[in-house]
Amino acid sequence: MNSSATKKYIDIIRKQYGGCSDYRIAQLLQVSRSCIPRWKQGKGTIGDEPAARLADLCGLDPVEVLTELYLERSTSRVTRQYFEEVLKRSGTAHAVVFAGFLALVYPSLSAFPVI
């Protein structure tokens, strides 16, 4: 598994919060502290809810963050192509539709309004 997006976003939140520890990142993302070292080792990726929290905490576009992480997890060529296209269109109506879809599927995400 290519975990470059996961590592990138862990680095971003660490820098945003003054070089904080893995434990503090886990607190901020509301995950167990064992998640962060696993993610850094490429043994998993940031889930949807922690990714949305990270985007919110760091002032990032949640659609872009989630799409990059979905792309990272994708195993089929067709799915990868879809998420690559979504990233290319980031900021357009397609990204808004994708965000609306995520809000319907994951209404507990605070970063997305329930439609």
PDB file of N, CA and C in Angstrom:
ATOM      1  N   MET A   1       0.845  -1.188   0.000  1.00  0.00           N
ATOM      2  CA  MET A   1       0.000   0.000   0.000  1.00  0.00           C
ATOM      3  C   MET A   1       0.881   1.238   0.000  1.00  0.00           C
ATOM      4  N   ASN A   2       0.600   2.135  -0.911  1.00  0.00           N
ATOM      5  CA  ASN A   2       1.291   3.408  -0.966  1.00  0.00           C
ATOM      6  C   ASN A   2       0.630   4.337   0.047  1.00  0.00           C
ATOM      7  N   SER A   3       1.362   4.732   1.049  1.00  0.00           N
ATOM      8  CA  SER A   3       0.762   5.558   2.098  1.00  0.00           C
ATOM      9  C   SER A   3       1.275   6.994   2.062  1.00  0.00           C
ATOM     10  N   SER A   4       1.607   7.473   0.870  1.00  0.00           N
ATOM     11  CA  SER A   4       2.172   8.818   0.772  1.00  0.00           C
ATOM     12  C   SER A   4       1.182   9.903   1.192  1.00  0.00           C
ATOM     13  N   ALA A   5      -0.109   9.750   0.863  1.00  0.00           N
ATOM     14  CA  ALA A   5      -1.099  10.752   1.265  1.00  0.00           C
ATOM     15  C   ALA A   5      -1.266  10.748   2.781  1.00  0.00           C
ATOM     16  N   THR A   6      -1.329   9.560   3.372  1.00  0.00           N
ATOM     17  CA  THR A   6      -1.461   9.453   4.830  1.00  0.00           C
ATOM     18  C   THR A   6      -0.276  10.132   5.514  1.00  0.00           C
ATOM     19  N   LYS A   7       0.920   9.817   5.068  1.00  0.00           N
ATOM     20  CA  LYS A   7       2.112  10.426   5.665  1.00  0.00           C
ATOM     21  C   LYS A   7       2.114  11.938   5.467  1.00  0.00           C
ATOM     22  N   LYS A   8       1.702  12.363   4.293  1.00  0.00           N
ATOM     23  CA  LYS A   8       1.638  13.799   3.991  1.00  0.00           C
ATOM     24  C   LYS A   8       0.716  14.514   4.979  1.00  0.00           C
ATOM     25  N   TYR A   9      -0.459  13.947   5.220  1.00  0.00           N
ATOM     26  CA  TYR A   9      -1.418  14.617   6.099  1.00  0.00           C
ATOM     27  C   TYR A   9      -1.013  14.529   7.573  1.00  0.00           C
ATOM     28  N   ILE A  10      -0.332  13.476   7.965  1.00  0.00           N
ATOM     29  CA  ILE A  10       0.204  13.420   9.339  1.00  0.00           C
ATOM     30  C   ILE A  10       1.247  14.522   9.507  1.00  0.00           C
ATOM     31  N   ASP A  11       2.103  14.703   8.499  1.00  0.00           N
ATOM     32  CA  ASP A  11       3.108  15.770   8.560  1.00  0.00           C
ATOM     33  C   ASP A  11       2.455  17.149   8.616  1.00  0.00           C
ATOM     34  N   ILE A  12       1.384  17.331   7.856  1.00  0.00           N
ATOM     35  CA  ILE A  12       0.699  18.624   7.838  1.00  0.00           C
ATOM     36  C   ILE A  12       0.121  18.958   9.209  1.00  0.00           C
ATOM     37  N   ILE A  13      -0.575  17.999   9.826  1.00  0.00           N
ATOM     38  CA  ILE A  13      -1.172  18.303  11.133  1.00  0.00           C
ATOM     39  C   ILE A  13      -0.086  18.476  12.192  1.00  0.00           C
ATOM     40  N   ARG A  14       0.996  17.706  12.076  1.00  0.00           N
ATOM     41  CA  ARG A  14       2.094  17.864  13.038  1.00  0.00           C
ATOM     42  C   ARG A  14       2.675  19.279  12.940  1.00  0.00           C
ATOM     43  N   LYS A  15       2.911  19.765  11.734  1.00  0.00           N
ATOM     44  CA  LYS A  15       3.448  21.117  11.548  1.00  0.00           C
ATOM     45  C   LYS A  15       2.446  22.182  11.992  1.00  0.00           C
ATOM     46  N   GLN A  16       1.175  21.956  11.672  1.00  0.00           N
ATOM     47  CA  GLN A  16       0.119  22.914  12.035  1.00  0.00           C
ATOM     48  C   GLN A  16       0.049  23.106  13.551  1.00  0.00           C
ATOM     49  N   TYR A  17       0.341  22.045  14.285  1.00  0.00           N
ATOM     50  CA  TYR A  17       0.249  22.102  15.750  1.00  0.00           C
ATOM     51  C   TYR A  17       1.629  22.082  16.398  1.00  0.00           C
ATOM     52  N   GLY A  18       2.594  22.726  15.760  1.00  0.00           N
ATOM     53  CA  GLY A  18       3.896  22.987  16.363  1.00  0.00           C
ATOM     54  C   GLY A  18       4.761  21.767  16.608  1.00  0.00           C
ATOM     55  N   GLY A  19       4.719  20.794  15.716  1.00  0.00           N
ATOM     56  CA  GLY A  19       5.567  19.614  15.872  1.00  0.00           C
ATOM     57  C   GLY A  19       5.107  18.689  16.980  1.00  0.00           C
ATOM     58  N   CYS A  20       3.807  18.630  17.191  1.00  0.00           N
ATOM     59  CA  CYS A  20       3.253  17.845  18.297  1.00  0.00           C
ATOM     60  C   CYS A  20       3.544  16.349  18.146  1.00  0.00           C
ATOM     61  N   SER A  21       3.350  15.638  19.220  1.00  0.00           N
ATOM     62  CA  SER A  21       3.634  14.201  19.282  1.00  0.00           C
ATOM     63  C   SER A  21       2.546  13.383  18.592  1.00  0.00           C
ATOM     64  N   ASP A  22       2.865  12.108  18.352  1.00  0.00           N
ATOM     65  CA  ASP A  22       1.874  11.183  17.808  1.00  0.00           C
ATOM     66  C   ASP A  22       0.668  11.089  18.739  1.00  0.00           C
ATOM     67  N   TYR A  23       0.930  11.104  20.033  1.00  0.00           N
ATOM     68  CA  TYR A  23      -0.158  11.035  21.011  1.00  0.00           C
ATOM     69  C   TYR A  23      -1.110  12.219  20.852  1.00  0.00           C
ATOM     70  N   ARG A  24      -0.545  13.417  20.677  1.00  0.00           N
ATOM     71  CA  ARG A  24      -1.380  14.617  20.513  1.00  0.00           C
ATOM     72  C   ARG A  24      -2.161  14.563  19.201  1.00  0.00           C
ATOM     73  N   ILE A  25      -1.531  14.080  18.136  1.00  0.00           N
ATOM     74  CA  ILE A  25      -2.234  13.942  16.856  1.00  0.00           C
ATOM     75  C   ILE A  25      -3.414  12.993  17.027  1.00  0.00           C
ATOM     76  N   ALA A  26      -3.193  11.884  17.732  1.00  0.00           N
ATOM     77  CA  ALA A  26      -4.277  10.927  17.978  1.00  0.00           C
ATOM     78  C   ALA A  26      -5.414  11.594  18.738  1.00  0.00           C
ATOM     79  N   GLN A  27      -5.089  12.411  19.723  1.00  0.00           N
ATOM     80  CA  GLN A  27      -6.122  13.139  20.465  1.00  0.00           C
ATOM     81  C   GLN A  27      -6.897  14.074  19.550  1.00  0.00           C
ATOM     82  N   LEU A  28      -6.188  14.826  18.728  1.00  0.00           N
ATOM     83  CA  LEU A  28      -6.831  15.782  17.827  1.00  0.00           C
ATOM     84  C   LEU A  28      -7.767  15.086  16.839  1.00  0.00           C
ATOM     85  N   LEU A  29      -7.346  13.912  16.349  1.00  0.00           N
ATOM     86  CA  LEU A  29      -8.136  13.189  15.353  1.00  0.00           C
ATOM     87  C   LEU A  29      -9.140  12.233  15.989  1.00  0.00           C
ATOM     88  N   GLN A  30      -9.095  12.131  17.317  1.00  0.00           N
ATOM     89  CA  GLN A  30     -10.000  11.262  18.075  1.00  0.00           C
ATOM     90  C   GLN A  30      -9.868   9.795  17.655  1.00  0.00           C
ATOM     91  N   VAL A  31      -8.620   9.339  17.598  1.00  0.00           N
ATOM     92  CA  VAL A  31      -8.326   7.936  17.300  1.00  0.00           C
ATOM     93  C   VAL A  31      -7.412   7.405  18.401  1.00  0.00           C
ATOM     94  N   SER A  32      -7.231   6.084  18.449  1.00  0.00           N
ATOM     95  CA  SER A  32      -6.326   5.523  19.450  1.00  0.00           C
ATOM     96  C   SER A  32      -4.892   5.916  19.107  1.00  0.00           C
ATOM     97  N   ARG A  33      -4.072   6.032  20.121  1.00  0.00           N
ATOM     98  CA  ARG A  33      -2.699   6.485  19.881  1.00  0.00           C
ATOM     99  C   ARG A  33      -1.884   5.483  19.078  1.00  0.00           C
ATOM    100  N   SER A  34      -2.325   4.239  19.009  1.00  0.00           N
ATOM    101  CA  SER A  34      -1.606   3.244  18.204  1.00  0.00           C
ATOM    102  C   SER A  34      -1.832   3.432  16.705  1.00  0.00           C
ATOM    103  N   CYS A  35      -2.855   4.192  16.337  1.00  0.00           N
ATOM    104  CA  CYS A  35      -3.142   4.423  14.905  1.00  0.00           C
ATOM    105  C   CYS A  35      -2.028   5.189  14.208  1.00  0.00           C
ATOM    106  N   ILE A  36      -1.510   6.194  14.856  1.00  0.00           N
ATOM    107  CA  ILE A  36      -0.552   7.085  14.189  1.00  0.00           C
ATOM    108  C   ILE A  36       0.712   6.336  13.771  1.00  0.00           C
ATOM    109  N   PRO A  37       1.366   5.578  14.664  1.00  0.00           N
ATOM    110  CA  PRO A  37       2.539   4.828  14.213  1.00  0.00           C
ATOM    111  C   PRO A  37       2.208   3.805  13.116  1.00  0.00           C
ATOM    112  N   ARG A  38       1.037   3.170  13.199  1.00  0.00           N
ATOM    113  CA  ARG A  38       0.635   2.215  12.152  1.00  0.00           C
ATOM    114  C   ARG A  38       0.504   2.926  10.812  1.00  0.00           C
ATOM    115  N   TRP A  39      -0.152   4.074  10.820  1.00  0.00           N
ATOM    116  CA  TRP A  39      -0.325   4.837   9.586  1.00  0.00           C
ATOM    117  C   TRP A  39       1.021   5.257   9.014  1.00  0.00           C
ATOM    118  N   LYS A  40       1.925   5.708   9.882  1.00  0.00           N
ATOM    119  CA  LYS A  40       3.239   6.155   9.414  1.00  0.00           C
ATOM    120  C   LYS A  40       4.042   4.999   8.819  1.00  0.00           C
ATOM    121  N   GLN A  41       3.805   3.785   9.302  1.00  0.00           N
ATOM    122  CA  GLN A  41       4.496   2.596   8.790  1.00  0.00           C
ATOM    123  C   GLN A  41       3.825   2.030   7.538  1.00  0.00           C
ATOM    124  N   GLY A  42       2.741   2.642   7.094  1.00  0.00           N
ATOM    125  CA  GLY A  42       2.050   2.167   5.903  1.00  0.00           C
ATOM    126  C   GLY A  42       1.158   0.973   6.151  1.00  0.00           C
ATOM    127  N   LYS A  43       0.776   0.753   7.402  1.00  0.00           N
ATOM    128  CA  LYS A  43      -0.065  -0.396   7.758  1.00  0.00           C
ATOM    129  C   LYS A  43      -1.541  -0.024   7.845  1.00  0.00           C
ATOM    130  N   GLY A  44      -1.913   1.049   7.208  1.00  0.00           N
ATOM    131  CA  GLY A  44      -3.285   1.517   7.200  1.00  0.00           C
ATOM    132  C   GLY A  44      -3.310   2.956   6.733  1.00  0.00           C
ATOM    133  N   THR A  45      -4.521   3.460   6.558  1.00  0.00           N
ATOM    134  CA  THR A  45      -4.668   4.863   6.156  1.00  0.00           C
ATOM    135  C   THR A  45      -5.651   5.557   7.084  1.00  0.00           C
ATOM    136  N   ILE A  46      -5.643   6.850   7.037  1.00  0.00           N
ATOM    137  CA  ILE A  46      -6.550   7.646   7.848  1.00  0.00           C
ATOM    138  C   ILE A  46      -7.979   7.383   7.385  1.00  0.00           C
ATOM    139  N   GLY A  47      -8.858   7.067   8.300  1.00  0.00           N
ATOM    140  CA  GLY A  47     -10.264   6.829   7.977  1.00  0.00           C
ATOM    141  C   GLY A  47     -10.990   8.118   7.642  1.00  0.00           C
ATOM    142  N   ASP A  48     -12.237   7.986   7.235  1.00  0.00           N
ATOM    143  CA  ASP A  48     -13.022   9.133   6.777  1.00  0.00           C
ATOM    144  C   ASP A  48     -13.247  10.184   7.863  1.00  0.00           C
ATOM    145  N   GLU A  49     -13.697   9.769   9.025  1.00  0.00           N
ATOM    146  CA  GLU A  49     -13.981  10.754  10.082  1.00  0.00           C
ATOM    147  C   GLU A  49     -12.715  11.454  10.567  1.00  0.00           C
ATOM    148  N   PRO A  50     -11.623  10.716  10.868  1.00  0.00           N
ATOM    149  CA  PRO A  50     -10.395  11.425  11.249  1.00  0.00           C
ATOM    150  C   PRO A  50      -9.872  12.329  10.133  1.00  0.00           C
ATOM    151  N   ALA A  51     -10.040  11.904   8.884  1.00  0.00           N
ATOM    152  CA  ALA A  51      -9.585  12.734   7.757  1.00  0.00           C
ATOM    153  C   ALA A  51     -10.379  14.031   7.679  1.00  0.00           C
ATOM    154  N   ALA A  52     -11.677  13.948   7.894  1.00  0.00           N
ATOM    155  CA  ALA A  52     -12.508  15.151   7.880  1.00  0.00           C
ATOM    156  C   ALA A  52     -12.124  16.068   9.043  1.00  0.00           C
ATOM    157  N   ARG A  53     -11.839  15.490  10.214  1.00  0.00           N
ATOM    158  CA  ARG A  53     -11.389  16.305  11.358  1.00  0.00           C
ATOM    159  C   ARG A  53     -10.068  16.990  11.023  1.00  0.00           C
ATOM    160  N   LEU A  54      -9.139  16.224  10.433  1.00  0.00           N
ATOM    161  CA  LEU A  54      -7.841  16.769  10.070  1.00  0.00           C
ATOM    162  C   LEU A  54      -8.015  17.941   9.109  1.00  0.00           C
ATOM    163  N   ALA A  55      -8.842  17.763   8.086  1.00  0.00           N
ATOM    164  CA  ALA A  55      -9.084  18.840   7.125  1.00  0.00           C
ATOM    165  C   ALA A  55      -9.616  20.081   7.840  1.00  0.00           C
ATOM    166  N   ASP A  56     -10.561  19.875   8.730  1.00  0.00           N
ATOM    167  CA  ASP A  56     -11.158  20.981   9.477  1.00  0.00           C
ATOM    168  C   ASP A  56     -10.123  21.669  10.365  1.00  0.00           C
ATOM    169  N   LEU A  57      -9.337  20.896  11.087  1.00  0.00           N
ATOM    170  CA  LEU A  57      -8.340  21.448  12.005  1.00  0.00           C
ATOM    171  C   LEU A  57      -7.237  22.203  11.267  1.00  0.00           C
ATOM    172  N   CYS A  58      -6.911  21.762  10.055  1.00  0.00           N
ATOM    173  CA  CYS A  58      -5.802  22.358   9.310  1.00  0.00           C
ATOM    174  C   CYS A  58      -6.248  23.334   8.234  1.00  0.00           C
ATOM    175  N   GLY A  59      -7.559  23.557   8.127  1.00  0.00           N
ATOM    176  CA  GLY A  59      -8.057  24.484   7.128  1.00  0.00           C
ATOM    177  C   GLY A  59      -7.879  23.990   5.700  1.00  0.00           C
ATOM    178  N   LEU A  60      -7.976  22.679   5.519  1.00  0.00           N
ATOM    179  CA  LEU A  60      -7.818  22.079   4.190  1.00  0.00           C
ATOM    180  C   LEU A  60      -9.171  21.754   3.590  1.00  0.00           C
ATOM    181  N   ASP A  61      -9.201  21.596   2.289  1.00  0.00           N
ATOM    182  CA  ASP A  61     -10.414  21.209   1.583  1.00  0.00           C
ATOM    183  C   ASP A  61     -10.712  19.740   1.909  1.00  0.00           C
ATOM    184  N   PRO A  62     -11.802  19.447   2.609  1.00  0.00           N
ATOM    185  CA  PRO A  62     -12.086  18.059   2.985  1.00  0.00           C
ATOM    186  C   PRO A  62     -12.296  17.149   1.781  1.00  0.00           C
ATOM    187  N   VAL A  63     -12.822  17.678   0.702  1.00  0.00           N
ATOM    188  CA  VAL A  63     -13.006  16.857  -0.499  1.00  0.00           C
ATOM    189  C   VAL A  63     -11.659  16.395  -1.031  1.00  0.00           C
ATOM    190  N   GLU A  64     -10.705  17.305  -1.062  1.00  0.00           N
ATOM    191  CA  GLU A  64      -9.374  16.947  -1.549  1.00  0.00           C
ATOM    192  C   GLU A  64      -8.704  15.928  -0.635  1.00  0.00           C
ATOM    193  N   VAL A  65      -8.782  16.155   0.667  1.00  0.00           N
ATOM    194  CA  VAL A  65      -8.165  15.237   1.632  1.00  0.00           C
ATOM    195  C   VAL A  65      -8.775  13.843   1.500  1.00  0.00           C
ATOM    196  N   LEU A  66     -10.099  13.758   1.545  1.00  0.00           N
ATOM    197  CA  LEU A  66     -10.765  12.463   1.455  1.00  0.00           C
ATOM    198  C   LEU A  66     -10.507  11.787   0.112  1.00  0.00           C
ATOM    199  N   THR A  67     -10.508  12.559  -0.946  1.00  0.00           N
ATOM    200  CA  THR A  67     -10.274  11.983  -2.269  1.00  0.00           C
ATOM    201  C   THR A  67      -8.865  11.421  -2.375  1.00  0.00           C
ATOM    202  N   GLU A  68      -7.875  12.143  -1.871  1.00  0.00           N
ATOM    203  CA  GLU A  68      -6.501  11.631  -1.899  1.00  0.00           C
ATOM    204  C   GLU A  68      -6.381  10.337  -1.094  1.00  0.00           C
ATOM    205  N   LEU A  69      -7.064  10.285   0.042  1.00  0.00           N
ATOM    206  CA  LEU A  69      -7.004   9.073   0.858  1.00  0.00           C
ATOM    207  C   LEU A  69      -7.751   7.924   0.201  1.00  0.00           C
ATOM    208  N   TYR A  70      -8.883   8.208  -0.450  1.00  0.00           N
ATOM    209  CA  TYR A  70      -9.585   7.158  -1.200  1.00  0.00           C
ATOM    210  C   TYR A  70      -8.700   6.652  -2.334  1.00  0.00           C
ATOM    211  N   LEU A  71      -8.026   7.549  -3.008  1.00  0.00           N
ATOM    212  CA  LEU A  71      -7.121   7.174  -4.092  1.00  0.00           C
ATOM    213  C   LEU A  71      -6.007   6.274  -3.554  1.00  0.00           C
ATOM    214  N   GLU A  72      -5.494   6.612  -2.401  1.00  0.00           N
ATOM    215  CA  GLU A  72      -4.438   5.819  -1.774  1.00  0.00           C
ATOM    216  C   GLU A  72      -4.911   4.389  -1.463  1.00  0.00           C
ATOM    217  N   ARG A  73      -6.173   4.248  -1.052  1.00  0.00           N
ATOM    218  CA  ARG A  73      -6.719   2.939  -0.690  1.00  0.00           C
ATOM    219  C   ARG A  73      -7.201   2.133  -1.886  1.00  0.00           C
ATOM    220  N   SER A  74      -7.408   2.797  -3.015  1.00  0.00           N
ATOM    221  CA  SER A  74      -7.998   2.130  -4.175  1.00  0.00           C
ATOM    222  C   SER A  74      -7.080   1.047  -4.731  1.00  0.00           C
ATOM    223  N   THR A  75      -7.687  -0.073  -5.057  1.00  0.00           N
ATOM    224  CA  THR A  75      -6.919  -1.178  -5.624  1.00  0.00           C
ATOM    225  C   THR A  75      -7.261  -1.427  -7.089  1.00  0.00           C
ATOM    226  N   SER A  76      -8.444  -1.034  -7.509  1.00  0.00           N
ATOM    227  CA  SER A  76      -8.805  -1.274  -8.914  1.00  0.00           C
ATOM    228  C   SER A  76      -8.434  -0.068  -9.773  1.00  0.00           C
ATOM    229  N   ARG A  77      -8.080  -0.339 -10.999  1.00  0.00           N
ATOM    230  CA  ARG A  77      -7.701   0.701 -11.950  1.00  0.00           C
ATOM    231  C   ARG A  77      -8.854   1.688 -12.173  1.00  0.00           C
ATOM    232  N   VAL A  78     -10.058   1.155 -12.310  1.00  0.00           N
ATOM    233  CA  VAL A  78     -11.231   2.000 -12.565  1.00  0.00           C
ATOM    234  C   VAL A  78     -11.473   2.957 -11.396  1.00  0.00           C
ATOM    235  N   THR A  79     -11.385   2.440 -10.184  1.00  0.00           N
ATOM    236  CA  THR A  79     -11.600   3.285  -9.004  1.00  0.00           C
ATOM    237  C   THR A  79     -10.512   4.341  -8.900  1.00  0.00           C
ATOM    238  N   ARG A  80      -9.270   3.948  -9.147  1.00  0.00           N
ATOM    239  CA  ARG A  80      -8.169   4.918  -9.108  1.00  0.00           C
ATOM    240  C   ARG A  80      -8.384   6.024 -10.134  1.00  0.00           C
ATOM    241  N   GLN A  81      -8.804   5.649 -11.328  1.00  0.00           N
ATOM    242  CA  GLN A  81      -9.055   6.652 -12.363  1.00  0.00           C
ATOM    243  C   GLN A  81     -10.159   7.617 -11.933  1.00  0.00           C
ATOM    244  N   TYR A  82     -11.194   7.081 -11.300  1.00  0.00           N
ATOM    245  CA  TYR A  82     -12.297   7.925 -10.842  1.00  0.00           C
ATOM    246  C   TYR A  82     -11.790   8.970  -9.840  1.00  0.00           C
ATOM    247  N   PHE A  83     -11.047   8.518  -8.832  1.00  0.00           N
ATOM    248  CA  PHE A  83     -10.587   9.453  -7.811  1.00  0.00           C
ATOM    249  C   PHE A  83      -9.527  10.412  -8.352  1.00  0.00           C
ATOM    250  N   GLU A  84      -8.729   9.975  -9.323  1.00  0.00           N
ATOM    251  CA  GLU A  84      -7.789  10.895  -9.967  1.00  0.00           C
ATOM    252  C   GLU A  84      -8.551  11.995 -10.698  1.00  0.00           C
ATOM    253  N   GLU A  85      -9.652  11.626 -11.348  1.00  0.00           N
ATOM    254  CA  GLU A  85     -10.484  12.612 -12.040  1.00  0.00           C
ATOM    255  C   GLU A  85     -11.138  13.577 -11.049  1.00  0.00           C
ATOM    256  N   VAL A  86     -11.604  13.066  -9.925  1.00  0.00           N
ATOM    257  CA  VAL A  86     -12.199  13.935  -8.900  1.00  0.00           C
ATOM    258  C   VAL A  86     -11.165  14.945  -8.417  1.00  0.00           C
ATOM    259  N   LEU A  87      -9.926  14.494  -8.206  1.00  0.00           N
ATOM    260  CA  LEU A  87      -8.876  15.423  -7.774  1.00  0.00           C
ATOM    261  C   LEU A  87      -8.610  16.494  -8.823  1.00  0.00           C
ATOM    262  N   LYS A  88      -8.623  16.106 -10.076  1.00  0.00           N
ATOM    263  CA  LYS A  88      -8.405  17.088 -11.150  1.00  0.00           C
ATOM    264  C   LYS A  88      -9.500  18.146 -11.150  1.00  0.00           C
ATOM    265  N   ARG A  89     -10.697  17.736 -10.808  1.00  0.00           N
ATOM    266  CA  ARG A  89     -11.847  18.641 -10.840  1.00  0.00           C
ATOM    267  C   ARG A  89     -12.091  19.322  -9.498  1.00  0.00           C
ATOM    268  N   SER A  90     -11.217  19.130  -8.578  1.00  0.00           N
ATOM    269  CA  SER A  90     -11.386  19.704  -7.245  1.00  0.00           C
ATOM    270  C   SER A  90     -11.750  21.184  -7.343  1.00  0.00           C
ATOM    271  N   GLY A  91     -12.777  21.564  -6.614  1.00  0.00           N
ATOM    272  CA  GLY A  91     -13.240  22.944  -6.640  1.00  0.00           C
ATOM    273  C   GLY A  91     -14.357  23.180  -7.640  1.00  0.00           C
ATOM    274  N   THR A  92     -14.759  22.148  -8.365  1.00  0.00           N
ATOM    275  CA  THR A  92     -15.835  22.291  -9.343  1.00  0.00           C
ATOM    276  C   THR A  92     -17.099  21.652  -8.800  1.00  0.00           C
ATOM    277  N   ALA A  93     -18.133  21.662  -9.603  1.00  0.00           N
ATOM    278  CA  ALA A  93     -19.417  21.080  -9.190  1.00  0.00           C
ATOM    279  C   ALA A  93     -19.268  19.601  -8.859  1.00  0.00           C
ATOM    280  N   HIS A  94     -18.371  18.901  -9.530  1.00  0.00           N
ATOM    281  CA  HIS A  94     -18.185  17.484  -9.248  1.00  0.00           C
ATOM    282  C   HIS A  94     -17.699  17.255  -7.816  1.00  0.00           C
ATOM    283  N   ALA A  95     -16.808  18.103  -7.367  1.00  0.00           N
ATOM    284  CA  ALA A  95     -16.317  17.986  -5.996  1.00  0.00           C
ATOM    285  C   ALA A  95     -17.432  18.283  -5.002  1.00  0.00           C
ATOM    286  N   VAL A  96     -18.294  19.236  -5.333  1.00  0.00           N
ATOM    287  CA  VAL A  96     -19.412  19.568  -4.452  1.00  0.00           C
ATOM    288  C   VAL A  96     -20.371  18.383  -4.355  1.00  0.00           C
ATOM    289  N   VAL A  97     -20.635  17.746  -5.480  1.00  0.00           N
ATOM    290  CA  VAL A  97     -21.502  16.562  -5.484  1.00  0.00           C
ATOM    291  C   VAL A  97     -20.876  15.462  -4.648  1.00  0.00           C
ATOM    292  N   PHE A  98     -19.577  15.263  -4.783  1.00  0.00           N
ATOM    293  CA  PHE A  98     -18.877  14.243  -4.014  1.00  0.00           C
ATOM    294  C   PHE A  98     -18.973  14.554  -2.522  1.00  0.00           C
ATOM    295  N   ALA A  99     -18.802  15.811  -2.155  1.00  0.00           N
ATOM    296  CA  ALA A  99     -18.909  16.208  -0.746  1.00  0.00           C
ATOM    297  C   ALA A  99     -20.320  15.960  -0.233  1.00  0.00           C
ATOM    298  N   GLY A 100     -21.327  16.264  -1.058  1.00  0.00           N
ATOM    299  CA  GLY A 100     -22.709  16.003  -0.669  1.00  0.00           C
ATOM    300  C   GLY A 100     -22.964  14.529  -0.465  1.00  0.00           C
ATOM    301  N   PHE A 101     -22.393  13.713  -1.332  1.00  0.00           N
ATOM    302  CA  PHE A 101     -22.516  12.257  -1.195  1.00  0.00           C
ATOM    303  C   PHE A 101     -21.918  11.800   0.130  1.00  0.00           C
ATOM    304  N   LEU A 102     -20.726  12.305   0.455  1.00  0.00           N
ATOM    305  CA  LEU A 102     -20.088  11.923   1.720  1.00  0.00           C
ATOM    306  C   LEU A 102     -20.919  12.372   2.913  1.00  0.00           C
ATOM    307  N   ALA A 103     -21.532  13.541   2.811  1.00  0.00           N
ATOM    308  CA  ALA A 103     -22.366  14.037   3.906  1.00  0.00           C
ATOM    309  C   ALA A 103     -23.569  13.130   4.129  1.00  0.00           C
ATOM    310  N   LEU A 104     -24.105  12.593   3.060  1.00  0.00           N
ATOM    311  CA  LEU A 104     -25.240  11.672   3.200  1.00  0.00           C
ATOM    312  C   LEU A 104     -24.804  10.335   3.784  1.00  0.00           C
ATOM    313  N   VAL A 105     -23.644   9.864   3.346  1.00  0.00           N
ATOM    314  CA  VAL A 105     -23.150   8.570   3.800  1.00  0.00           C
ATOM    315  C   VAL A 105     -22.608   8.649   5.221  1.00  0.00           C
ATOM    316  N   TYR A 106     -21.957   9.771   5.554  1.00  0.00           N
ATOM    317  CA  TYR A 106     -21.337   9.944   6.868  1.00  0.00           C
ATOM    318  C   TYR A 106     -21.883  11.214   7.535  1.00  0.00           C
ATOM    319  N   PRO A 107     -23.144  11.202   7.962  1.00  0.00           N
ATOM    320  CA  PRO A 107     -23.724  12.426   8.524  1.00  0.00           C
ATOM    321  C   PRO A 107     -23.072  12.866   9.832  1.00  0.00           C
ATOM    322  N   SER A 108     -22.295  11.989  10.459  1.00  0.00           N
ATOM    323  CA  SER A 108     -21.665  12.377  11.723  1.00  0.00           C
ATOM    324  C   SER A 108     -20.432  13.236  11.513  1.00  0.00           C
ATOM    325  N   LEU A 109     -19.986  13.393  10.281  1.00  0.00           N
ATOM    326  CA  LEU A 109     -18.802  14.221  10.022  1.00  0.00           C
ATOM    327  C   LEU A 109     -19.160  15.687  10.211  1.00  0.00           C
ATOM    328  N   SER A 110     -18.484  16.328  11.120  1.00  0.00           N
ATOM    329  CA  SER A 110     -18.773  17.731  11.380  1.00  0.00           C
ATOM    330  C   SER A 110     -18.305  18.638  10.252  1.00  0.00           C
ATOM    331  N   ALA A 111     -17.379  18.165   9.432  1.00  0.00           N
ATOM    332  CA  ALA A 111     -16.839  19.010   8.365  1.00  0.00           C
ATOM    333  C   ALA A 111     -17.817  19.164   7.208  1.00  0.00           C
ATOM    334  N   PHE A 112     -18.859  18.336   7.173  1.00  0.00           N
ATOM    335  CA  PHE A 112     -19.826  18.401   6.092  1.00  0.00           C
ATOM    336  C   PHE A 112     -21.200  18.713   6.634  1.00  0.00           C
ATOM    337  N   PRO A 113     -21.905  19.652   6.053  1.00  0.00           N
ATOM    338  CA  PRO A 113     -23.291  19.871   6.469  1.00  0.00           C
ATOM    339  C   PRO A 113     -24.166  18.735   5.956  1.00  0.00           C
ATOM    340  N   VAL A 114     -25.154  18.360   6.741  1.00  0.00           N
ATOM    341  CA  VAL A 114     -26.106  17.329   6.297  1.00  0.00           C
ATOM    342  C   VAL A 114     -27.049  17.977   5.313  1.00  0.00           C
ATOM    343  N   ILE A 115     -27.183  17.366   4.163  1.00  0.00           N
ATOM    344  CA  ILE A 115     -28.016  17.925   3.090  1.00  0.00           C
ATOM    345  C   ILE A 115     -29.414  17.381   3.205  1.00  0.00           C
TER     346      ILE A 115
END
